[in-house]
Amino acid sequence: MPTVHIRITREGATPAQKAELIAGVTDLLRRVLDKNPATTVVTIDEVDLENWGIGGLPVLDYRAAQAAKVPAR
């Protein structure tokens, strides 16, 4: 029984988007590993932005730093 955990930041993913993630991951495991969709478990954990960090920075600070590196179009 495969179990997949997806962690995303809590930024308003809709129920439809979450359903699409669950269906897509389940189908991927079926196609690639021949796993039974009936026994595939997918959980989605949403993490508050203040509890998520990348590269030693809170995610909002990291995003701001990344945005500052991108030249304006």
N, C-alpha and C. Protein backbone atom coordinates (compact mmCIF):
# COMPACT_ATOMS: atom_id res chain seq x y z
N MET A 1 0.85 -1.18 0.00
CA MET A 1 0.00 0.00 0.00
C MET A 1 0.89 1.24 0.00
N PRO A 2 1.00 1.93 -1.12
CA PRO A 2 1.81 3.15 -1.15
C PRO A 2 1.12 4.28 -0.39
N THR A 3 1.95 5.05 0.28
CA THR A 3 1.49 6.24 0.99
C THR A 3 2.33 7.42 0.52
N VAL A 4 1.68 8.48 0.09
CA VAL A 4 2.36 9.67 -0.40
C VAL A 4 1.91 10.85 0.44
N HIS A 5 2.89 11.62 0.92
CA HIS A 5 2.60 12.84 1.69
C HIS A 5 3.02 14.04 0.85
N ILE A 6 2.11 14.97 0.67
CA ILE A 6 2.40 16.20 -0.06
C ILE A 6 2.29 17.34 0.94
N ARG A 7 3.32 18.17 1.00
CA ARG A 7 3.28 19.35 1.87
C ARG A 7 3.32 20.59 0.99
N ILE A 8 2.37 21.47 1.23
CA ILE A 8 2.30 22.72 0.49
C ILE A 8 2.08 23.85 1.50
N THR A 9 2.44 25.05 1.08
CA THR A 9 2.15 26.19 1.95
C THR A 9 0.66 26.48 1.91
N ARG A 10 0.16 26.98 3.01
CA ARG A 10 -1.26 27.30 3.14
C ARG A 10 -1.52 28.64 2.43
N GLU A 11 -1.82 28.54 1.13
CA GLU A 11 -2.04 29.74 0.34
C GLU A 11 -3.28 29.63 -0.53
N GLY A 12 -4.23 28.86 -0.07
CA GLY A 12 -5.51 28.85 -0.75
C GLY A 12 -5.68 27.82 -1.85
N ALA A 13 -4.97 26.70 -1.76
CA ALA A 13 -5.24 25.63 -2.73
C ALA A 13 -6.70 25.23 -2.57
N THR A 14 -7.39 25.15 -3.67
CA THR A 14 -8.82 24.84 -3.64
C THR A 14 -9.04 23.34 -3.45
N PRO A 15 -10.23 22.96 -3.01
CA PRO A 15 -10.54 21.53 -2.94
C PRO A 15 -10.37 20.84 -4.31
N ALA A 16 -10.71 21.53 -5.38
CA ALA A 16 -10.55 20.94 -6.71
C ALA A 16 -9.07 20.72 -7.04
N GLN A 17 -8.21 21.66 -6.68
CA GLN A 17 -6.78 21.49 -6.92
C GLN A 17 -6.23 20.32 -6.10
N LYS A 18 -6.67 20.22 -4.86
CA LYS A 18 -6.21 19.11 -4.02
C LYS A 18 -6.69 17.78 -4.58
N ALA A 19 -7.93 17.73 -5.06
CA ALA A 19 -8.45 16.51 -5.66
C ALA A 19 -7.64 16.12 -6.89
N GLU A 20 -7.24 17.12 -7.67
CA GLU A 20 -6.42 16.85 -8.85
C GLU A 20 -5.05 16.31 -8.47
N LEU A 21 -4.45 16.85 -7.42
CA LEU A 21 -3.18 16.32 -6.93
C LEU A 21 -3.33 14.86 -6.50
N ILE A 22 -4.36 14.58 -5.74
CA ILE A 22 -4.59 13.21 -5.25
C ILE A 22 -4.79 12.26 -6.43
N ALA A 23 -5.63 12.63 -7.37
CA ALA A 23 -5.88 11.78 -8.53
C ALA A 23 -4.62 11.60 -9.37
N GLY A 24 -3.87 12.69 -9.56
CA GLY A 24 -2.67 12.63 -10.40
C GLY A 24 -1.59 11.75 -9.80
N VAL A 25 -1.35 11.89 -8.50
CA VAL A 25 -0.33 11.07 -7.83
C VAL A 25 -0.76 9.60 -7.84
N THR A 26 -2.03 9.36 -7.58
CA THR A 26 -2.53 7.99 -7.59
C THR A 26 -2.35 7.37 -8.97
N ASP A 27 -2.68 8.10 -10.02
CA ASP A 27 -2.52 7.60 -11.38
C ASP A 27 -1.06 7.38 -11.73
N LEU A 28 -0.19 8.27 -11.29
CA LEU A 28 1.25 8.12 -11.54
C LEU A 28 1.77 6.82 -10.95
N LEU A 29 1.38 6.53 -9.72
CA LEU A 29 1.81 5.28 -9.08
C LEU A 29 1.23 4.06 -9.81
N ARG A 30 0.02 4.18 -10.31
CA ARG A 30 -0.57 3.08 -11.07
C ARG A 30 0.20 2.84 -12.36
N ARG A 31 0.49 3.91 -13.10
CA ARG A 31 1.16 3.78 -14.38
C ARG A 31 2.62 3.34 -14.27
N VAL A 32 3.35 3.96 -13.35
CA VAL A 32 4.79 3.72 -13.27
C VAL A 32 5.12 2.45 -12.47
N LEU A 33 4.43 2.24 -11.36
CA LEU A 33 4.76 1.12 -10.48
C LEU A 33 3.70 0.04 -10.43
N ASP A 34 2.65 0.18 -11.22
CA ASP A 34 1.54 -0.77 -11.25
C ASP A 34 0.92 -0.96 -9.86
N LYS A 35 0.78 0.14 -9.12
CA LYS A 35 0.17 0.09 -7.79
C LYS A 35 -1.35 0.20 -7.91
N ASN A 36 -2.02 -0.46 -7.01
CA ASN A 36 -3.48 -0.49 -7.00
C ASN A 36 -4.02 0.85 -6.47
N PRO A 37 -4.78 1.60 -7.26
CA PRO A 37 -5.34 2.86 -6.78
C PRO A 37 -6.21 2.69 -5.54
N ALA A 38 -6.85 1.55 -5.39
CA ALA A 38 -7.74 1.33 -4.25
C ALA A 38 -6.99 1.27 -2.93
N THR A 39 -5.68 1.01 -2.99
CA THR A 39 -4.90 0.93 -1.75
C THR A 39 -3.83 2.01 -1.67
N THR A 40 -3.91 3.00 -2.55
CA THR A 40 -2.97 4.11 -2.53
C THR A 40 -3.52 5.24 -1.66
N VAL A 41 -2.71 5.68 -0.72
CA VAL A 41 -3.12 6.73 0.22
C VAL A 41 -2.32 7.99 -0.10
N VAL A 42 -3.01 9.11 -0.26
CA VAL A 42 -2.36 10.41 -0.48
C VAL A 42 -2.89 11.37 0.57
N THR A 43 -1.97 12.01 1.29
CA THR A 43 -2.36 13.04 2.24
C THR A 43 -1.72 14.36 1.84
N ILE A 44 -2.45 15.42 2.07
CA ILE A 44 -1.95 16.77 1.78
C ILE A 44 -1.92 17.54 3.08
N ASP A 45 -0.73 18.00 3.45
CA ASP A 45 -0.56 18.82 4.64
C ASP A 45 -0.31 20.25 4.19
N GLU A 46 -1.08 21.18 4.76
CA GLU A 46 -0.87 22.59 4.47
C GLU A 46 -0.14 23.22 5.65
N VAL A 47 0.94 23.92 5.34
CA VAL A 47 1.79 24.51 6.36
C VAL A 47 1.66 26.03 6.30
N ASP A 48 1.45 26.65 7.44
CA ASP A 48 1.40 28.11 7.49
C ASP A 48 2.73 28.68 7.01
N LEU A 49 2.67 29.81 6.30
CA LEU A 49 3.88 30.40 5.73
C LEU A 49 4.95 30.68 6.78
N GLU A 50 4.54 31.08 7.97
CA GLU A 50 5.54 31.38 9.00
C GLU A 50 6.23 30.13 9.53
N ASN A 51 5.74 28.95 9.15
CA ASN A 51 6.34 27.69 9.57
C ASN A 51 7.10 27.00 8.44
N TRP A 52 7.39 27.73 7.37
CA TRP A 52 8.05 27.15 6.20
C TRP A 52 9.27 27.99 5.89
N GLY A 53 10.41 27.34 5.69
CA GLY A 53 11.63 28.06 5.37
C GLY A 53 12.37 27.40 4.22
N ILE A 54 13.11 28.20 3.49
CA ILE A 54 13.93 27.72 2.37
C ILE A 54 15.27 28.45 2.44
N GLY A 55 16.34 27.71 2.34
CA GLY A 55 17.67 28.34 2.29
C GLY A 55 17.99 29.17 3.52
N GLY A 56 17.46 28.76 4.66
CA GLY A 56 17.74 29.48 5.90
C GLY A 56 16.89 30.71 6.13
N LEU A 57 15.88 30.90 5.28
CA LEU A 57 15.02 32.07 5.40
C LEU A 57 13.56 31.65 5.50
N PRO A 58 12.74 32.45 6.21
CA PRO A 58 11.30 32.22 6.12
C PRO A 58 10.88 32.35 4.65
N VAL A 59 9.90 31.60 4.23
CA VAL A 59 9.54 31.52 2.82
C VAL A 59 9.23 32.89 2.21
N LEU A 60 8.57 33.76 2.94
CA LEU A 60 8.26 35.08 2.37
C LEU A 60 9.54 35.88 2.12
N ASP A 61 10.51 35.80 3.02
CA ASP A 61 11.79 36.48 2.82
C ASP A 61 12.55 35.87 1.65
N TYR A 62 12.52 34.55 1.55
CA TYR A 62 13.17 33.85 0.45
C TYR A 62 12.58 34.29 -0.89
N ARG A 63 11.26 34.33 -0.96
CA ARG A 63 10.59 34.75 -2.20
C ARG A 63 10.94 36.19 -2.57
N ALA A 64 11.00 37.05 -1.56
CA ALA A 64 11.35 38.45 -1.82
C ALA A 64 12.77 38.55 -2.37
N ALA A 65 13.68 37.77 -1.79
CA ALA A 65 15.06 37.78 -2.26
C ALA A 65 15.15 37.25 -3.70
N GLN A 66 14.40 36.21 -4.02
CA GLN A 66 14.38 35.66 -5.36
C GLN A 66 13.79 36.65 -6.36
N ALA A 67 12.74 37.34 -5.94
CA ALA A 67 12.10 38.32 -6.82
C ALA A 67 13.04 39.49 -7.11
N ALA A 68 13.85 39.85 -6.13
CA ALA A 68 14.80 40.96 -6.31
C ALA A 68 15.89 40.59 -7.30
N LYS A 69 16.17 39.30 -7.48
CA LYS A 69 17.21 38.84 -8.41
C LYS A 69 16.72 38.80 -9.84
N VAL A 70 15.41 38.76 -10.05
CA VAL A 70 14.84 38.64 -11.39
C VAL A 70 14.75 40.02 -12.02
N PRO A 71 15.37 40.23 -13.19
CA PRO A 71 15.25 41.54 -13.83
C PRO A 71 13.82 41.83 -14.26
N ALA A 72 13.42 43.08 -14.14
CA ALA A 72 12.07 43.49 -14.55
C ALA A 72 11.92 43.31 -16.06
N ARG A 73 10.71 42.95 -16.49
CA ARG A 73 10.46 42.76 -17.93
C ARG A 73 9.89 43.98 -18.56
